[in-house]
Amino acid sequence: MANELALDQQLCFALYAASRAMTATYRPMLDELGLTYPQYLVLLTLWERDGRGVREIGDALDLDSGTLSPLLKRMETLGLIERRRQSDDERRVLIHLTDHGRELREPARTIPRRLASCAGMPPEELIALRSTLKHLTATLRATTDPRSPDSATPSTHTRRTE
């Protein structure tokens, strides 16, 4: 019987290693565009729909405002985005693409195809893997979110942030 505590038996480590490998594979492609991976993710949300609120971007990327705010400030400094106060609610700031941010969309179009080629898996397997990972994420969130009716009780499940 395999040692259930062996590192190579851990799903969490397989996901961690795959995530690091994925990010490393993206890096040279994004370097060509002068972007970091988190900046690319923000641009993806804005290329889908420009003029999103900070909270909406954070929700889409699963990032808290403490992580997202410095990222957005840096992107603004780089001329990729601009913040605009909503005219009917001065408290609400919307994030908009600049011309430079919009122009990066066309060269970025090749990235998904290039990444798929690097993955060495047929497209249907990549689609199935993405679906499985989305399902895993949703299931794990449902069991760890204290607001979820399906979550474990605090005495049986604790959440660590590191």
Protein backbone atom coordinates (compact mmCIF):
# COMPACT_ATOMS: atom_id res chain seq x y z
CA MET A 1 0.00 0.00 0.00
CA ALA A 2 1.28 3.45 -0.92
CA ASN A 3 2.21 5.79 1.89
CA GLU A 4 -0.80 8.11 2.07
CA LEU A 5 1.42 10.85 3.51
CA ALA A 6 3.98 10.65 0.72
CA LEU A 7 4.35 13.98 -1.06
CA ASP A 8 3.69 12.45 -4.47
CA GLN A 9 0.35 11.10 -3.19
CA GLN A 10 -0.98 14.54 -2.24
CA LEU A 11 -3.55 16.16 -4.52
CA CYS A 12 -2.71 19.55 -3.04
CA PHE A 13 0.94 19.22 -4.07
CA ALA A 14 0.04 18.04 -7.58
CA LEU A 15 -2.18 21.13 -7.98
CA TYR A 16 0.50 23.41 -6.50
CA ALA A 17 3.20 22.03 -8.81
CA ALA A 18 0.89 22.25 -11.84
CA SER A 19 0.01 25.85 -10.98
CA ARG A 20 3.68 26.82 -10.71
CA ALA A 21 4.48 25.05 -13.99
CA MET A 22 1.53 26.78 -15.69
CA THR A 23 2.64 30.20 -14.48
CA ALA A 24 6.22 29.50 -15.60
CA THR A 25 4.93 28.50 -19.04
CA TYR A 26 2.96 31.73 -19.32
CA ARG A 27 5.90 33.90 -18.22
CA PRO A 28 7.83 34.16 -21.53
CA MET A 29 4.62 34.74 -23.47
CA LEU A 30 3.58 37.51 -21.12
CA ASP A 31 7.10 38.97 -21.05
CA GLU A 32 6.65 39.62 -24.78
CA LEU A 33 3.71 41.85 -23.85
CA GLY A 34 5.39 43.41 -20.82
CA LEU A 35 2.84 41.85 -18.47
CA THR A 36 2.89 39.81 -15.31
CA TYR A 37 0.46 36.93 -14.87
CA PRO A 38 -1.80 38.85 -12.42
CA GLN A 39 -1.87 41.82 -14.81
CA TYR A 40 -2.86 39.48 -17.65
CA LEU A 41 -5.74 38.14 -15.55
CA VAL A 42 -7.03 41.66 -14.86
CA LEU A 43 -6.82 42.47 -18.55
CA LEU A 44 -8.74 39.29 -19.39
CA THR A 45 -11.61 40.48 -17.18
CA LEU A 46 -11.58 43.91 -18.79
CA TRP A 47 -11.33 42.55 -22.34
CA GLU A 48 -14.51 40.62 -21.57
CA ARG A 49 -16.22 43.76 -20.31
CA ASP A 50 -14.56 47.12 -19.83
CA GLY A 51 -15.59 49.44 -17.01
CA ARG A 52 -15.82 47.01 -14.10
CA GLY A 53 -15.79 47.92 -10.46
CA VAL A 54 -12.86 46.94 -8.27
CA ARG A 55 -15.01 44.51 -6.27
CA GLU A 56 -16.30 42.90 -9.46
CA ILE A 57 -12.74 42.34 -10.72
CA GLY A 58 -11.73 41.00 -7.31
CA ASP A 59 -14.66 38.58 -7.29
CA ALA A 60 -13.85 37.36 -10.81
CA LEU A 61 -10.21 36.75 -9.90
CA ASP A 62 -10.81 35.63 -6.31
CA LEU A 63 -8.56 38.42 -5.02
CA ASP A 64 -9.16 40.61 -2.00
CA SER A 65 -8.87 44.39 -2.25
CA GLY A 66 -5.56 44.36 -0.33
CA THR A 67 -4.02 42.33 -3.14
CA LEU A 68 -5.93 43.89 -6.02
CA SER A 69 -5.46 47.59 -5.17
CA PRO A 70 -1.65 47.66 -5.51
CA LEU A 71 -1.93 45.59 -8.69
CA LEU A 72 -4.38 48.08 -10.20
CA LYS A 73 -2.21 51.04 -9.13
CA ARG A 74 0.79 49.49 -10.88
CA MET A 75 -1.28 48.83 -14.00
CA GLU A 76 -2.46 52.44 -13.98
CA THR A 77 1.16 53.62 -13.70
CA LEU A 78 2.03 51.42 -16.69
CA GLY A 79 -0.77 53.04 -18.70
CA LEU A 80 -2.84 49.84 -19.05
CA ILE A 81 -5.92 51.00 -17.15
CA GLU A 82 -7.47 54.10 -15.70
CA ARG A 83 -9.78 54.61 -12.77
CA ARG A 84 -12.88 56.69 -13.26
CA ARG A 85 -15.42 57.71 -10.69
CA GLN A 86 -18.94 56.74 -11.67
CA SER A 87 -20.89 59.89 -12.50
CA ASP A 88 -24.06 58.89 -10.63
CA ASP A 89 -22.18 57.56 -7.56
CA GLU A 90 -18.90 59.33 -6.78
CA ARG A 91 -17.98 56.62 -4.26
CA ARG A 92 -17.82 53.93 -6.95
CA VAL A 93 -14.66 53.68 -9.03
CA LEU A 94 -14.74 51.84 -12.34
CA ILE A 95 -11.66 50.41 -13.99
CA HIS A 96 -11.35 51.08 -17.73
CA LEU A 97 -8.82 50.00 -20.31
CA THR A 98 -6.60 52.63 -21.85
CA ASP A 99 -5.79 52.52 -25.56
CA HIS A 100 -2.58 50.66 -24.64
CA GLY A 101 -4.54 48.12 -22.58
CA ARG A 102 -6.96 47.56 -25.46
CA GLU A 103 -4.11 47.23 -27.99
CA LEU A 104 -2.58 44.32 -26.06
CA ARG A 105 -5.66 42.20 -26.68
CA GLU A 106 -4.72 41.36 -30.26
CA PRO A 107 -1.21 40.01 -29.56
CA ALA A 108 -2.57 38.21 -26.47
CA ARG A 109 -4.99 36.21 -28.65
CA THR A 110 -2.22 33.72 -29.43
CA ILE A 111 -1.51 32.91 -25.78
CA PRO A 112 -4.26 30.31 -25.14
CA ARG A 113 -3.33 28.41 -28.29
CA ARG A 114 0.39 28.54 -27.50
CA LEU A 115 -0.24 27.39 -23.96
CA ALA A 116 -2.41 24.49 -25.15
CA SER A 117 0.41 23.44 -27.45
CA CYS A 118 2.84 23.45 -24.51
CA ALA A 119 0.47 21.34 -22.40
CA GLY A 120 0.84 18.32 -24.66
CA MET A 121 -2.79 17.31 -24.23
CA PRO A 122 -5.58 17.23 -26.80
CA PRO A 123 -8.05 20.13 -26.57
CA GLU A 124 -10.88 17.91 -25.28
CA GLU A 125 -8.68 16.73 -22.38
CA LEU A 126 -7.77 20.33 -21.51
CA ILE A 127 -11.46 21.29 -21.56
CA ALA A 128 -12.32 18.32 -19.34
CA LEU A 129 -9.48 19.20 -16.95
CA ARG A 130 -10.65 22.81 -16.70
CA SER A 131 -14.19 21.60 -15.98
CA THR A 132 -12.94 19.21 -13.29
CA LEU A 133 -10.85 21.95 -11.66
CA LYS A 134 -13.81 24.37 -11.67
CA HIS A 135 -15.96 21.69 -10.05
CA LEU A 136 -13.27 20.95 -7.45
CA THR A 137 -12.90 24.65 -6.67
CA ALA A 138 -16.64 25.16 -6.25
CA THR A 139 -16.96 22.08 -4.05
CA LEU A 140 -14.05 23.07 -1.82
CA ARG A 141 -15.34 26.63 -1.50
CA ALA A 142 -18.77 25.32 -0.50
CA THR A 143 -17.21 23.25 2.28
CA THR A 144 -14.96 26.02 3.59
CA ASP A 145 -17.20 29.08 3.27
CA PRO A 146 -18.80 29.67 6.69
CA ARG A 147 -21.80 31.29 4.97
CA SER A 148 -22.49 28.16 2.95
CA PRO A 149 -25.20 25.84 4.34
CA ASP A 150 -23.04 22.87 3.30
CA SER A 151 -19.90 24.03 5.06
CA ALA A 152 -18.26 22.13 7.86
CA THR A 153 -18.78 23.43 11.37
CA PRO A 154 -15.98 25.56 12.82
CA SER A 155 -15.08 22.80 15.28
CA THR A 156 -14.46 20.27 12.50
CA HIS A 157 -12.94 22.51 9.88
CA THR A 158 -10.66 25.47 10.37
CA ARG A 159 -9.52 27.80 7.66
CA ARG A 160 -5.89 28.86 7.55
CA THR A 161 -4.55 31.79 5.63
CA GLU A 162 -0.88 31.85 4.81
